[in-house]
C-alpha cells in the first residue's frame, strides 16, 4: 500500500489549464489591476460623453441663433430704406395739401422731393445705370429693345429709354436702350 502512496498522482489537466489562464495572484509592481483599468476607462468614457453632449448642445445653440439672425435680417432688411423713404412720402403728401399751387411751386417741390429720393437711394447703395451714347452695350447692365441704323460702332448705345438700377453689386433692373446697327 505504501507503494501506491509514494507514486505521483497524475495532474488534473483541467486544473492545470485553469491555473495557466488565471491572472497572477499578485500584480506586478506599478501596473493597475484589470478592475482599476476598467474603472479608469469608464470614467474617461463618461468624461468624453459629457464633452460630446456639451459640444452638440453648443452646436445646436449656434445653429438656432444663426437661424434667428437670418430671420431678423430678412424681416428688417428694408428698414433702413423705409426710414429714408418716409420723408419723401411726407413731402409728396404736403404738396397735395397746397390749396392753390403755382407751376413754379410745384416744380420746386418736385425738385426737392427728387433730391430727397436721390439721397435715400445713395444712402442705401441704390445706384442708377445711365449709359452714355456710344457706350459699348453691356448685357449684364443693359437691355437692348431695338436695333437702329446709326453712324456709330455696332452694339453701342444709341439712346437710353429707361435708367437701370443696381443695389450694391447686384442688378435690380437693366437700363433699357436702343443699340446701334451698322449701316
C-alpha atoms as a PDB file:
ATOM      1  CA  UNK A   1       0.000   0.000   0.000  1.00  0.00           C
ATOM      2  CA  UNK A   2       2.786   2.254   0.671  1.00  0.00           C
ATOM      3  CA  UNK A   3       3.878   1.829  -2.844  1.00  0.00           C
ATOM      4  CA  UNK A   4       0.662   3.348  -4.001  1.00  0.00           C
ATOM      5  CA  UNK A   5       1.028   6.385  -1.708  1.00  0.00           C
ATOM      6  CA  UNK A   6       4.555   7.134  -2.894  1.00  0.00           C
ATOM      7  CA  UNK A   7       3.544   7.084  -6.516  1.00  0.00           C
ATOM      8  CA  UNK A   8       2.979  10.534  -8.071  1.00  0.00           C
ATOM      9  CA  UNK A   9      -0.618  11.369  -8.786  1.00  0.00           C
ATOM     10  CA  UNK A  10      -1.042  12.439 -12.379  1.00  0.00           C
ATOM     11  CA  UNK A  11      -2.064  16.137 -12.559  1.00  0.00           C
ATOM     12  CA  UNK A  12      -5.658  17.062 -13.428  1.00  0.00           C
ATOM     13  CA  UNK A  13      -5.495  18.560 -16.953  1.00  0.00           C
ATOM     14  CA  UNK A  14      -8.460  20.898 -16.323  1.00  0.00           C
ATOM     15  CA  UNK A  15      -6.928  22.310 -13.164  1.00  0.00           C
ATOM     16  CA  UNK A  16      -3.609  22.903 -14.915  1.00  0.00           C
ATOM     17  CA  UNK A  17      -5.355  24.756 -17.741  1.00  0.00           C
ATOM     18  CA  UNK A  18      -7.350  26.968 -15.345  1.00  0.00           C
ATOM     19  CA  UNK A  19      -4.205  27.813 -13.377  1.00  0.00           C
ATOM     20  CA  UNK A  20      -2.385  28.834 -16.561  1.00  0.00           C
ATOM     21  CA  UNK A  21      -5.162  31.153 -17.753  1.00  0.00           C
ATOM     22  CA  UNK A  22      -5.835  32.784 -14.368  1.00  0.00           C
ATOM     23  CA  UNK A  23      -4.171  36.128 -13.667  1.00  0.00           C
ATOM     24  CA  UNK A  24      -1.303  36.025 -11.259  1.00  0.00           C
ATOM     25  CA  UNK A  25      -2.440  36.357  -7.697  1.00  0.00           C
ATOM     26  CA  UNK A  26      -0.081  39.259  -7.084  1.00  0.00           C
ATOM     27  CA  UNK A  27       0.015  42.142  -9.557  1.00  0.00           C
ATOM     28  CA  UNK A  28       3.370  43.193 -10.787  1.00  0.00           C
ATOM     29  CA  UNK A  29       4.681  46.338  -9.187  1.00  0.00           C
ATOM     30  CA  UNK A  30       3.306  49.570 -10.787  1.00  0.00           C
ATOM     31  CA  UNK A  31       0.670  48.024 -13.092  1.00  0.00           C
ATOM     32  CA  UNK A  32      -3.003  48.607 -12.231  1.00  0.00           C
ATOM     33  CA  UNK A  33      -5.333  45.675 -11.960  1.00  0.00           C
ATOM     34  CA  UNK A  34      -7.946  44.994 -14.608  1.00  0.00           C
ATOM     35  CA  UNK A  35     -10.670  46.389 -12.357  1.00  0.00           C
ATOM     36  CA  UNK A  36      -8.733  49.654 -11.937  1.00  0.00           C
ATOM     37  CA  UNK A  37      -8.139  49.882 -15.689  1.00  0.00           C
ATOM     38  CA  UNK A  38     -11.828  49.280 -16.362  1.00  0.00           C
ATOM     39  CA  UNK A  39     -12.852  51.953 -13.836  1.00  0.00           C
ATOM     40  CA  UNK A  40     -10.423  54.456 -15.364  1.00  0.00           C
ATOM     41  CA  UNK A  41     -11.661  53.695 -18.874  1.00  0.00           C
ATOM     42  CA  UNK A  42     -15.303  54.062 -17.793  1.00  0.00           C
ATOM     43  CA  UNK A  43     -14.506  57.417 -16.140  1.00  0.00           C
ATOM     44  CA  UNK A  44     -12.772  58.632 -19.290  1.00  0.00           C
ATOM     45  CA  UNK A  45     -15.723  57.440 -21.404  1.00  0.00           C
ATOM     46  CA  UNK A  46     -18.165  59.349 -19.185  1.00  0.00           C
ATOM     47  CA  UNK A  47     -15.980  62.464 -19.450  1.00  0.00           C
ATOM     48  CA  UNK A  48     -15.812  62.170 -23.261  1.00  0.00           C
ATOM     49  CA  UNK A  49     -19.580  61.602 -23.481  1.00  0.00           C
ATOM     50  CA  UNK A  50     -20.205  64.713 -21.375  1.00  0.00           C
ATOM     51  CA  UNK A  51     -17.861  66.771 -23.559  1.00  0.00           C
ATOM     52  CA  UNK A  52     -19.578  65.438 -26.698  1.00  0.00           C
ATOM     53  CA  UNK A  53     -23.046  66.289 -25.372  1.00  0.00           C
ATOM     54  CA  UNK A  54     -21.916  69.818 -24.449  1.00  0.00           C
ATOM     55  CA  UNK A  55     -20.374  70.341 -27.890  1.00  0.00           C
ATOM     56  CA  UNK A  56     -23.531  69.044 -29.544  1.00  0.00           C
ATOM     57  CA  UNK A  57     -25.688  71.411 -27.459  1.00  0.00           C
ATOM     58  CA  UNK A  58     -23.372  74.328 -28.295  1.00  0.00           C
ATOM     59  CA  UNK A  59     -23.642  73.485 -31.994  1.00  0.00           C
ATOM     60  CA  UNK A  60     -27.438  73.389 -31.792  1.00  0.00           C
ATOM     61  CA  UNK A  61     -27.492  76.748 -29.967  1.00  0.00           C
ATOM     62  CA  UNK A  62     -25.230  78.340 -32.597  1.00  0.00           C
ATOM     63  CA  UNK A  63     -27.410  76.948 -35.403  1.00  0.00           C
ATOM     64  CA  UNK A  64     -30.591  78.205 -33.715  1.00  0.00           C
ATOM     65  CA  UNK A  65     -29.117  81.682 -33.115  1.00  0.00           C
ATOM     66  CA  UNK A  66     -27.941  81.864 -36.734  1.00  0.00           C
ATOM     67  CA  UNK A  67     -31.434  80.959 -37.952  1.00  0.00           C
ATOM     68  CA  UNK A  68     -32.934  83.665 -35.729  1.00  0.00           C
ATOM     69  CA  UNK A  69     -30.402  86.215 -37.027  1.00  0.00           C
ATOM     70  CA  UNK A  70     -31.223  85.341 -40.641  1.00  0.00           C
ATOM     71  CA  UNK A  71     -34.953  85.588 -39.931  1.00  0.00           C
ATOM     72  CA  UNK A  72     -34.458  89.018 -38.317  1.00  0.00           C
ATOM     73  CA  UNK A  73     -32.278  90.160 -41.221  1.00  0.00           C
ATOM     74  CA  UNK A  74     -34.994  89.163 -43.705  1.00  0.00           C
ATOM     75  CA  UNK A  75     -37.714  90.767 -41.618  1.00  0.00           C
ATOM     76  CA  UNK A  76     -35.908  94.074 -41.163  1.00  0.00           C
ATOM     77  CA  UNK A  77     -33.832  94.198 -44.366  1.00  0.00           C
ATOM     78  CA  UNK A  78     -35.818  97.098 -45.797  1.00  0.00           C
ATOM     79  CA  UNK A  79     -35.978  99.037 -42.534  1.00  0.00           C
ATOM     80  CA  UNK A  80     -33.169 101.426 -43.466  1.00  0.00           C
ATOM     81  CA  UNK A  81     -34.621 102.044 -46.907  1.00  0.00           C
ATOM     82  CA  UNK A  82     -38.119 102.521 -45.473  1.00  0.00           C
ATOM     83  CA  UNK A  83     -36.790 105.102 -42.998  1.00  0.00           C
ATOM     84  CA  UNK A  84     -35.230 107.009 -45.902  1.00  0.00           C
ATOM     85  CA  UNK A  85     -38.458 106.857 -47.934  1.00  0.00           C
ATOM     86  CA  UNK A  86     -40.801 108.218 -45.246  1.00  0.00           C
ATOM     87  CA  UNK A  87     -39.671 111.865 -45.690  1.00  0.00           C
ATOM     88  CA  UNK A  88     -40.174 111.543 -49.451  1.00  0.00           C
ATOM     89  CA  UNK A  89     -43.751 110.398 -48.877  1.00  0.00           C
ATOM     90  CA  UNK A  90     -44.283 113.232 -46.392  1.00  0.00           C
ATOM     91  CA  UNK A  91     -43.099 115.752 -49.000  1.00  0.00           C
ATOM     92  CA  UNK A  92     -45.462 114.377 -51.627  1.00  0.00           C
ATOM     93  CA  UNK A  93     -48.404 114.461 -49.197  1.00  0.00           C
ATOM     94  CA  UNK A  94     -47.597 118.062 -48.247  1.00  0.00           C
ATOM     95  CA  UNK A  95     -47.512 119.022 -51.935  1.00  0.00           C
ATOM     96  CA  UNK A  96     -51.010 117.641 -52.390  1.00  0.00           C
ATOM     97  CA  UNK A  97     -52.315 119.717 -49.437  1.00  0.00           C
ATOM     98  CA  UNK A  98     -51.366 123.033 -51.027  1.00  0.00           C
ATOM     99  CA  UNK A  99     -54.611 124.896 -51.882  1.00  0.00           C
ATOM    100  CA  UNK A 100     -53.565 126.921 -54.911  1.00  0.00           C
ATOM    101  CA  UNK A 101     -50.215 125.656 -56.177  1.00  0.00           C
ATOM    102  CA  UNK A 102     -48.394 127.531 -58.878  1.00  0.00           C
ATOM    103  CA  UNK A 103     -46.399 125.855 -61.590  1.00  0.00           C
ATOM    104  CA  UNK A 104     -43.195 127.241 -60.065  1.00  0.00           C
ATOM    105  CA  UNK A 105     -44.018 125.999 -56.549  1.00  0.00           C
ATOM    106  CA  UNK A 106     -44.947 122.555 -57.892  1.00  0.00           C
ATOM    107  CA  UNK A 107     -41.709 122.372 -59.867  1.00  0.00           C
ATOM    108  CA  UNK A 108     -39.678 123.468 -56.835  1.00  0.00           C
ATOM    109  CA  UNK A 109     -41.460 120.907 -54.641  1.00  0.00           C
ATOM    110  CA  UNK A 110     -40.883 118.106 -57.143  1.00  0.00           C
ATOM    111  CA  UNK A 111     -37.192 119.019 -57.405  1.00  0.00           C
ATOM    112  CA  UNK A 112     -36.800 118.995 -53.605  1.00  0.00           C
ATOM    113  CA  UNK A 113     -38.617 115.659 -53.378  1.00  0.00           C
ATOM    114  CA  UNK A 114     -36.389 114.237 -56.115  1.00  0.00           C
ATOM    115  CA  UNK A 115     -33.315 115.349 -54.113  1.00  0.00           C
ATOM    116  CA  UNK A 116     -34.698 113.548 -51.051  1.00  0.00           C
ATOM    117  CA  UNK A 117     -35.331 110.442 -53.105  1.00  0.00           C
ATOM    118  CA  UNK A 118     -31.850 110.544 -54.682  1.00  0.00           C
ATOM    119  CA  UNK A 119     -30.312 110.941 -51.230  1.00  0.00           C
ATOM    120  CA  UNK A 120     -32.294 107.936 -49.959  1.00  0.00           C
ATOM    121  CA  UNK A 121     -31.084 105.902 -52.933  1.00  0.00           C
ATOM    122  CA  UNK A 122     -27.459 106.896 -52.267  1.00  0.00           C
ATOM    123  CA  UNK A 123     -27.615 106.036 -48.566  1.00  0.00           C
ATOM    124  CA  UNK A 124     -28.988 102.607 -49.418  1.00  0.00           C
ATOM    125  CA  UNK A 125     -26.498 101.943 -52.252  1.00  0.00           C
ATOM    126  CA  UNK A 126     -29.147 102.024 -54.985  1.00  0.00           C
ATOM    127  CA  UNK A 127     -27.143 103.214 -57.978  1.00  0.00           C
ATOM    128  CA  UNK A 128     -28.595 104.400 -61.299  1.00  0.00           C
ATOM    129  CA  UNK A 129     -27.273 102.905 -64.532  1.00  0.00           C
ATOM    130  CA  UNK A 130     -27.241 105.632 -67.179  1.00  0.00           C
ATOM    131  CA  UNK A 131     -25.161 104.536 -70.165  1.00  0.00           C
ATOM    132  CA  UNK A 132     -23.846 107.327 -72.364  1.00  0.00           C
ATOM    133  CA  UNK A 133     -24.498 107.471 -76.088  1.00  0.00           C
ATOM    134  CA  UNK A 134     -21.799 105.473 -77.876  1.00  0.00           C
ATOM    135  CA  UNK A 135     -21.003 103.335 -74.805  1.00  0.00           C
ATOM    136  CA  UNK A 136     -20.441  99.648 -75.557  1.00  0.00           C
ATOM    137  CA  UNK A 137     -23.554  97.557 -74.884  1.00  0.00           C
ATOM    138  CA  UNK A 138     -23.117  95.523 -71.674  1.00  0.00           C
ATOM    139  CA  UNK A 139     -25.650  92.661 -71.499  1.00  0.00           C
ATOM    140  CA  UNK A 140     -25.102  92.491 -67.728  1.00  0.00           C
ATOM    141  CA  UNK A 141     -26.389  96.054 -67.273  1.00  0.00           C
ATOM    142  CA  UNK A 142     -28.248  96.977 -70.469  1.00  0.00           C
ATOM    143  CA  UNK A 143     -31.228  95.533 -72.279  1.00  0.00           C
ATOM    144  CA  UNK A 144     -31.448  96.476 -75.947  1.00  0.00           C
ATOM    145  CA  UNK A 145     -35.077  96.587 -77.051  1.00  0.00           C
ATOM    146  CA  UNK A 146     -34.380  97.856 -80.542  1.00  0.00           C
ATOM    147  CA  UNK A 147     -31.539  97.991 -83.029  1.00  0.00           C
ATOM    148  CA  UNK A 148     -31.406 101.096 -85.191  1.00  0.00           C
ATOM    149  CA  UNK A 149     -29.100 102.098 -88.056  1.00  0.00           C
ATOM    150  CA  UNK A 150     -26.593 104.637 -86.728  1.00  0.00           C
ATOM    151  CA  UNK A 151     -23.321 106.322 -87.655  1.00  0.00           C
ATOM    152  CA  UNK A 152     -21.522 104.737 -84.709  1.00  0.00           C
ATOM    153  CA  UNK A 153     -19.899 101.416 -83.900  1.00  0.00           C
ATOM    154  CA  UNK A 154     -22.189  98.366 -83.838  1.00  0.00           C
ATOM    155  CA  UNK A 155     -23.536  97.199 -80.460  1.00  0.00           C
ATOM    156  CA  UNK A 156     -23.191 100.570 -78.810  1.00  0.00           C
ATOM    157  CA  UNK A 157     -25.891 102.587 -77.039  1.00  0.00           C
ATOM    158  CA  UNK A 158     -27.799 104.988 -79.276  1.00  0.00           C
ATOM    159  CA  UNK A 159     -30.407 106.156 -76.736  1.00  0.00           C
ATOM    160  CA  UNK A 160     -31.447 105.354 -73.158  1.00  0.00           C
ATOM    161  CA  UNK A 161     -35.190 104.756 -72.905  1.00  0.00           C
ATOM    162  CA  UNK A 162     -35.194 103.964 -69.167  1.00  0.00           C
ATOM    163  CA  UNK A 163     -32.485 104.075 -66.482  1.00  0.00           C
ATOM    164  CA  UNK A 164     -31.366 100.863 -64.874  1.00  0.00           C
ATOM    165  CA  UNK A 165     -30.570 100.345 -61.193  1.00  0.00           C
ATOM    166  CA  UNK A 166     -28.147  98.285 -59.137  1.00  0.00           C
ATOM    167  CA  UNK A 167     -28.230  97.562 -55.424  1.00  0.00           C
ATOM    168  CA  UNK A 168     -24.614  97.397 -54.309  1.00  0.00           C
ATOM    169  CA  UNK A 169     -23.147  94.989 -56.911  1.00  0.00           C
ATOM    170  CA  UNK A 170     -26.390  93.276 -57.908  1.00  0.00           C
ATOM    171  CA  UNK A 171     -28.521  94.303 -60.865  1.00  0.00           C
ATOM    172  CA  UNK A 172     -32.018  95.368 -59.852  1.00  0.00           C
ATOM    173  CA  UNK A 173     -33.208  96.470 -63.302  1.00  0.00           C
ATOM    174  CA  UNK A 174     -31.215  96.778 -66.537  1.00  0.00           C
ATOM    175  CA  UNK A 175     -31.129 100.047 -68.435  1.00  0.00           C
ATOM    176  CA  UNK A 176     -33.487  99.863 -71.418  1.00  0.00           C
ATOM    177  CA  UNK A 177     -31.606 101.096 -74.507  1.00  0.00           C
ATOM    178  CA  UNK A 178     -31.593 101.118 -78.274  1.00  0.00           C
ATOM    179  CA  UNK A 179     -28.427  99.762 -79.853  1.00  0.00           C
ATOM    180  CA  UNK A 180     -26.576 100.755 -82.996  1.00  0.00           C
ATOM    181  CA  UNK A 181     -26.624  98.638 -86.105  1.00  0.00           C
ATOM    182  CA  UNK A 182     -24.029  99.282 -88.787  1.00  0.00           C
ATOM    183  CA  UNK A 183     -25.465 100.869 -91.935  1.00  0.00           C
END
